[in-house]
Amino acid sequence: MTRQTLPSNLEERNTPFFQSMQREMNQFFDRFRGQPVTSPGEFFEALSAPMFPALDMSESENAVEITAEIPGVREEDLDISIAQNTLILKGEKSSDHEEKKQDYHLVERRYGSFRRQVPLGFMPADDAVKATFADGVLKLTIAKPEEAKRSVQKIKVSRG
């Protein structure tokens, strides 16, 4: 795929400013989407793509702790479950904004949904999961069953 660059009349100037600006804009859109944006249509398609909350995970001998940043999502719009050794996080986010002034009327609606699956490697007991949700941050502590604690095998590494 070829990336579209500056219009030809600007390319002809070939100044470091425009080259640098083009690089910066390309990096911005690449970070925004996770892959290069090659056309305006792809940019607007990316805007409507599903959200994916950022996750932080840590594991101890006794539990797995997961923190998910989900700003703007209400607690009642979250669906958290575990099926076949996999944690499933689903949710929906929506907001409306309306502004009426003398010479204009602005209405904005934003919405999106997400689904994240995290393989756990074990099925926790029914009462082994604790969840809290405050200020857009979901925290889960999932206690490991005894068989998952025992299934860890240490491997010694030697110089080769």
C-alpha atoms as a PDB file:
ATOM      1  CA  MET A   1       0.000   0.000   0.000  1.00  0.00           C
ATOM      2  CA  THR A   2       1.246   3.448  -0.830  1.00  0.00           C
ATOM      3  CA  ARG A   3       0.804   6.195   1.703  1.00  0.00           C
ATOM      4  CA  GLN A   4      -0.674   9.437   0.403  1.00  0.00           C
ATOM      5  CA  THR A   5       1.567  12.366   1.154  1.00  0.00           C
ATOM      6  CA  LEU A   6       1.387  16.115   0.821  1.00  0.00           C
ATOM      7  CA  PRO A   7      -0.280  17.572  -2.265  1.00  0.00           C
ATOM      8  CA  SER A   8       2.194  17.996  -5.117  1.00  0.00           C
ATOM      9  CA  ASN A   9       2.300  21.793  -4.922  1.00  0.00           C
ATOM     10  CA  LEU A  10       3.588  21.517  -1.343  1.00  0.00           C
ATOM     11  CA  GLU A  11       5.922  18.616  -2.143  1.00  0.00           C
ATOM     12  CA  GLU A  12       7.643  20.717  -4.787  1.00  0.00           C
ATOM     13  CA  ARG A  13       8.792  23.090  -2.071  1.00  0.00           C
ATOM     14  CA  ASN A  14      10.609  20.143  -0.497  1.00  0.00           C
ATOM     15  CA  THR A  15      11.297  22.106   2.658  1.00  0.00           C
ATOM     16  CA  PRO A  16      12.331  20.453   5.902  1.00  0.00           C
ATOM     17  CA  PHE A  17       9.277  22.012   7.552  1.00  0.00           C
ATOM     18  CA  PHE A  18       6.785  20.252   5.267  1.00  0.00           C
ATOM     19  CA  GLN A  19       8.727  16.995   5.352  1.00  0.00           C
ATOM     20  CA  SER A  20       8.803  17.090   9.140  1.00  0.00           C
ATOM     21  CA  MET A  21       5.112  17.999   9.322  1.00  0.00           C
ATOM     22  CA  GLN A  22       4.230  15.079   7.012  1.00  0.00           C
ATOM     23  CA  ARG A  23       6.261  12.655   9.152  1.00  0.00           C
ATOM     24  CA  GLU A  24       4.615  13.925  12.344  1.00  0.00           C
ATOM     25  CA  MET A  25       1.105  13.607  10.886  1.00  0.00           C
ATOM     26  CA  ASN A  26       1.825  10.094   9.599  1.00  0.00           C
ATOM     27  CA  GLN A  27       3.116   9.038  13.030  1.00  0.00           C
ATOM     28  CA  PHE A  28       0.080  10.588  14.704  1.00  0.00           C
ATOM     29  CA  PHE A  29      -2.362   8.643  12.542  1.00  0.00           C
ATOM     30  CA  ASP A  30      -0.293   5.449  12.827  1.00  0.00           C
ATOM     31  CA  ARG A  31      -0.430   5.674  16.637  1.00  0.00           C
ATOM     32  CA  PHE A  32      -4.120   6.555  16.579  1.00  0.00           C
ATOM     33  CA  ARG A  33      -5.052   3.484  14.649  1.00  0.00           C
ATOM     34  CA  GLY A  34      -2.220   1.074  15.299  1.00  0.00           C
ATOM     35  CA  GLN A  35      -1.437   0.832  11.613  1.00  0.00           C
ATOM     36  CA  PRO A  36      -0.892   3.265   8.724  1.00  0.00           C
ATOM     37  CA  VAL A  37      -3.893   5.261   7.489  1.00  0.00           C
ATOM     38  CA  THR A  38      -3.770   5.411   3.707  1.00  0.00           C
ATOM     39  CA  SER A  39      -6.876   7.445   2.873  1.00  0.00           C
ATOM     40  CA  PRO A  40      -9.404   9.824   4.446  1.00  0.00           C
ATOM     41  CA  GLY A  41     -12.017   7.040   4.248  1.00  0.00           C
ATOM     42  CA  GLU A  42      -9.837   4.765   6.378  1.00  0.00           C
ATOM     43  CA  PHE A  43      -9.405   7.579   8.921  1.00  0.00           C
ATOM     44  CA  PHE A  44     -13.173   7.963   9.379  1.00  0.00           C
ATOM     45  CA  GLU A  45     -13.596   4.186   9.462  1.00  0.00           C
ATOM     46  CA  ALA A  46     -11.036   4.082  12.290  1.00  0.00           C
ATOM     47  CA  LEU A  47     -13.083   6.596  14.254  1.00  0.00           C
ATOM     48  CA  SER A  48     -16.019   4.200  14.290  1.00  0.00           C
ATOM     49  CA  ALA A  49     -13.864   1.170  15.138  1.00  0.00           C
ATOM     50  CA  PRO A  50     -14.522  -0.530  18.463  1.00  0.00           C
ATOM     51  CA  MET A  51     -12.766   0.750  21.582  1.00  0.00           C
ATOM     52  CA  PHE A  52     -10.289  -1.431  23.407  1.00  0.00           C
ATOM     53  CA  PRO A  53      -9.658  -0.513  27.030  1.00  0.00           C
ATOM     54  CA  ALA A  54      -6.064  -0.471  28.196  1.00  0.00           C
ATOM     55  CA  LEU A  55      -5.304  -3.345  30.558  1.00  0.00           C
ATOM     56  CA  ASP A  56      -2.650  -3.768  33.217  1.00  0.00           C
ATOM     57  CA  MET A  57      -2.120  -7.303  34.486  1.00  0.00           C
ATOM     58  CA  SER A  58      -0.051  -8.747  37.277  1.00  0.00           C
ATOM     59  CA  GLU A  59       0.181 -12.261  38.636  1.00  0.00           C
ATOM     60  CA  SER A  60       1.258 -13.550  41.999  1.00  0.00           C
ATOM     61  CA  GLU A  61       1.375 -17.083  43.322  1.00  0.00           C
ATOM     62  CA  ASN A  62      -2.197 -16.740  44.635  1.00  0.00           C
ATOM     63  CA  ALA A  63      -4.039 -14.411  42.231  1.00  0.00           C
ATOM     64  CA  VAL A  64      -4.234 -12.521  38.957  1.00  0.00           C
ATOM     65  CA  GLU A  65      -4.956  -8.810  39.166  1.00  0.00           C
ATOM     66  CA  ILE A  66      -6.322  -6.906  36.184  1.00  0.00           C
ATOM     67  CA  THR A  67      -6.934  -3.176  35.923  1.00  0.00           C
ATOM     68  CA  ALA A  68      -8.862  -1.815  32.937  1.00  0.00           C
ATOM     69  CA  GLU A  69      -9.184   1.872  32.095  1.00  0.00           C
ATOM     70  CA  ILE A  70     -12.707   2.440  30.792  1.00  0.00           C
ATOM     71  CA  PRO A  71     -13.422   6.188  31.013  1.00  0.00           C
ATOM     72  CA  GLY A  72     -16.954   7.301  30.227  1.00  0.00           C
ATOM     73  CA  VAL A  73     -18.493   3.850  30.678  1.00  0.00           C
ATOM     74  CA  ARG A  74     -21.138   3.459  33.363  1.00  0.00           C
ATOM     75  CA  GLU A  75     -21.093   0.490  35.713  1.00  0.00           C
ATOM     76  CA  GLU A  76     -24.461  -0.732  34.415  1.00  0.00           C
ATOM     77  CA  ASP A  77     -23.023  -0.802  30.866  1.00  0.00           C
ATOM     78  CA  LEU A  78     -20.290  -3.304  31.815  1.00  0.00           C
ATOM     79  CA  ASP A  79     -20.608  -7.054  31.330  1.00  0.00           C
ATOM     80  CA  ILE A  80     -17.881  -9.132  32.985  1.00  0.00           C
ATOM     81  CA  SER A  81     -17.822 -12.925  32.755  1.00  0.00           C
ATOM     82  CA  ILE A  82     -15.499 -15.924  32.718  1.00  0.00           C
ATOM     83  CA  ALA A  83     -16.024 -18.773  30.265  1.00  0.00           C
ATOM     84  CA  GLN A  84     -13.686 -21.636  29.372  1.00  0.00           C
ATOM     85  CA  ASN A  85     -10.737 -20.216  31.373  1.00  0.00           C
ATOM     86  CA  THR A  86     -11.101 -16.812  29.667  1.00  0.00           C
ATOM     87  CA  LEU A  87     -12.096 -13.489  31.228  1.00  0.00           C
ATOM     88  CA  ILE A  88     -14.487 -11.562  28.973  1.00  0.00           C
ATOM     89  CA  LEU A  89     -14.928  -7.798  29.378  1.00  0.00           C
ATOM     90  CA  LYS A  90     -17.712  -6.172  27.361  1.00  0.00           C
ATOM     91  CA  GLY A  91     -19.141  -2.713  27.572  1.00  0.00           C
ATOM     92  CA  GLU A  92     -20.778   0.181  25.830  1.00  0.00           C
ATOM     93  CA  LYS A  93     -20.120   3.887  26.009  1.00  0.00           C
ATOM     94  CA  SER A  94     -22.379   6.679  24.846  1.00  0.00           C
ATOM     95  CA  SER A  95     -22.629  10.409  25.370  1.00  0.00           C
ATOM     96  CA  ASP A  96     -24.812  13.198  24.020  1.00  0.00           C
ATOM     97  CA  HIS A  97     -24.014  16.872  23.907  1.00  0.00           C
ATOM     98  CA  GLU A  98     -26.413  19.548  22.769  1.00  0.00           C
ATOM     99  CA  GLU A  99     -25.706  23.247  22.579  1.00  0.00           C
ATOM    100  CA  LYS A 100     -28.172  25.898  21.401  1.00  0.00           C
ATOM    101  CA  LYS A 101     -27.045  29.435  20.716  1.00  0.00           C
ATOM    102  CA  GLN A 102     -28.665  32.293  18.914  1.00  0.00           C
ATOM    103  CA  ASP A 103     -27.057  31.520  15.566  1.00  0.00           C
ATOM    104  CA  TYR A 104     -26.434  27.768  15.709  1.00  0.00           C
ATOM    105  CA  HIS A 105     -27.594  24.454  17.141  1.00  0.00           C
ATOM    106  CA  LEU A 106     -24.961  21.778  17.810  1.00  0.00           C
ATOM    107  CA  VAL A 107     -25.793  18.151  18.616  1.00  0.00           C
ATOM    108  CA  GLU A 108     -23.042  15.557  19.091  1.00  0.00           C
ATOM    109  CA  ARG A 109     -23.551  11.888  19.856  1.00  0.00           C
ATOM    110  CA  ARG A 110     -20.700   9.514  20.499  1.00  0.00           C
ATOM    111  CA  TYR A 111     -20.992   5.820  21.120  1.00  0.00           C
ATOM    112  CA  GLY A 112     -18.945   2.689  20.913  1.00  0.00           C
ATOM    113  CA  SER A 113     -18.633  -0.770  22.330  1.00  0.00           C
ATOM    114  CA  PHE A 114     -15.754  -3.022  23.208  1.00  0.00           C
ATOM    115  CA  ARG A 115     -14.989  -6.657  23.950  1.00  0.00           C
ATOM    116  CA  ARG A 116     -11.705  -7.869  25.413  1.00  0.00           C
ATOM    117  CA  GLN A 117     -10.837 -11.480  26.149  1.00  0.00           C
ATOM    118  CA  VAL A 118      -8.036 -12.402  28.524  1.00  0.00           C
ATOM    119  CA  PRO A 119      -6.961 -16.051  28.764  1.00  0.00           C
ATOM    120  CA  LEU A 120      -6.465 -16.987  32.422  1.00  0.00           C
ATOM    121  CA  GLY A 121      -5.252 -20.575  32.101  1.00  0.00           C
ATOM    122  CA  PHE A 122      -7.556 -21.685  34.919  1.00  0.00           C
ATOM    123  CA  MET A 123     -11.209 -21.559  35.936  1.00  0.00           C
ATOM    124  CA  PRO A 124     -11.649 -19.711  39.243  1.00  0.00           C
ATOM    125  CA  ALA A 125     -14.195 -20.717  41.875  1.00  0.00           C
ATOM    126  CA  ASP A 126     -17.515 -18.835  41.826  1.00  0.00           C
ATOM    127  CA  ASP A 127     -16.616 -16.687  44.826  1.00  0.00           C
ATOM    128  CA  ALA A 128     -12.954 -16.168  43.842  1.00  0.00           C
ATOM    129  CA  VAL A 129     -13.405 -12.984  41.790  1.00  0.00           C
ATOM    130  CA  LYS A 130     -13.590  -9.543  43.350  1.00  0.00           C
ATOM    131  CA  ALA A 131     -14.413  -6.526  41.170  1.00  0.00           C
ATOM    132  CA  THR A 132     -14.522  -2.799  41.905  1.00  0.00           C
ATOM    133  CA  PHE A 133     -15.316   0.049  39.534  1.00  0.00           C
ATOM    134  CA  ALA A 134     -14.665   3.712  40.320  1.00  0.00           C
ATOM    135  CA  ASP A 135     -13.744   6.787  38.254  1.00  0.00           C
ATOM    136  CA  GLY A 136     -13.594   4.799  35.017  1.00  0.00           C
ATOM    137  CA  VAL A 137     -11.182   2.188  36.384  1.00  0.00           C
ATOM    138  CA  LEU A 138     -12.196  -1.467  36.756  1.00  0.00           C
ATOM    139  CA  LYS A 139     -10.103  -3.559  39.141  1.00  0.00           C
ATOM    140  CA  LEU A 140     -10.403  -7.342  39.243  1.00  0.00           C
ATOM    141  CA  THR A 141      -8.676  -9.717  41.633  1.00  0.00           C
ATOM    142  CA  ILE A 142      -9.044 -13.345  40.607  1.00  0.00           C
ATOM    143  CA  ALA A 143      -7.869 -15.910  43.173  1.00  0.00           C
ATOM    144  CA  LYS A 144      -6.178 -18.950  41.671  1.00  0.00           C
ATOM    145  CA  PRO A 145      -7.500 -22.406  42.528  1.00  0.00           C
ATOM    146  CA  GLU A 146      -5.094 -24.787  44.281  1.00  0.00           C
ATOM    147  CA  GLU A 147      -4.454 -26.848  41.135  1.00  0.00           C
ATOM    148  CA  ALA A 148      -3.335 -23.699  39.255  1.00  0.00           C
ATOM    149  CA  LYS A 149      -0.917 -22.825  42.056  1.00  0.00           C
ATOM    150  CA  ARG A 150       0.656 -26.304  41.950  1.00  0.00           C
ATOM    151  CA  SER A 151       0.936 -26.433  38.157  1.00  0.00           C
ATOM    152  CA  VAL A 152       3.887 -24.023  38.033  1.00  0.00           C
ATOM    153  CA  GLN A 153       7.144 -25.640  37.042  1.00  0.00           C
ATOM    154  CA  LYS A 154      10.406 -23.747  37.650  1.00  0.00           C
ATOM    155  CA  ILE A 155      13.055 -24.116  34.955  1.00  0.00           C
ATOM    156  CA  LYS A 156      16.717 -23.631  35.749  1.00  0.00           C
ATOM    157  CA  VAL A 157      18.719 -21.688  33.193  1.00  0.00           C
ATOM    158  CA  SER A 158      22.422 -22.393  32.754  1.00  0.00           C
ATOM    159  CA  ARG A 159      25.122 -20.788  30.655  1.00  0.00           C
ATOM    160  CA  GLY A 160      25.292 -22.340  27.276  1.00  0.00           C
END
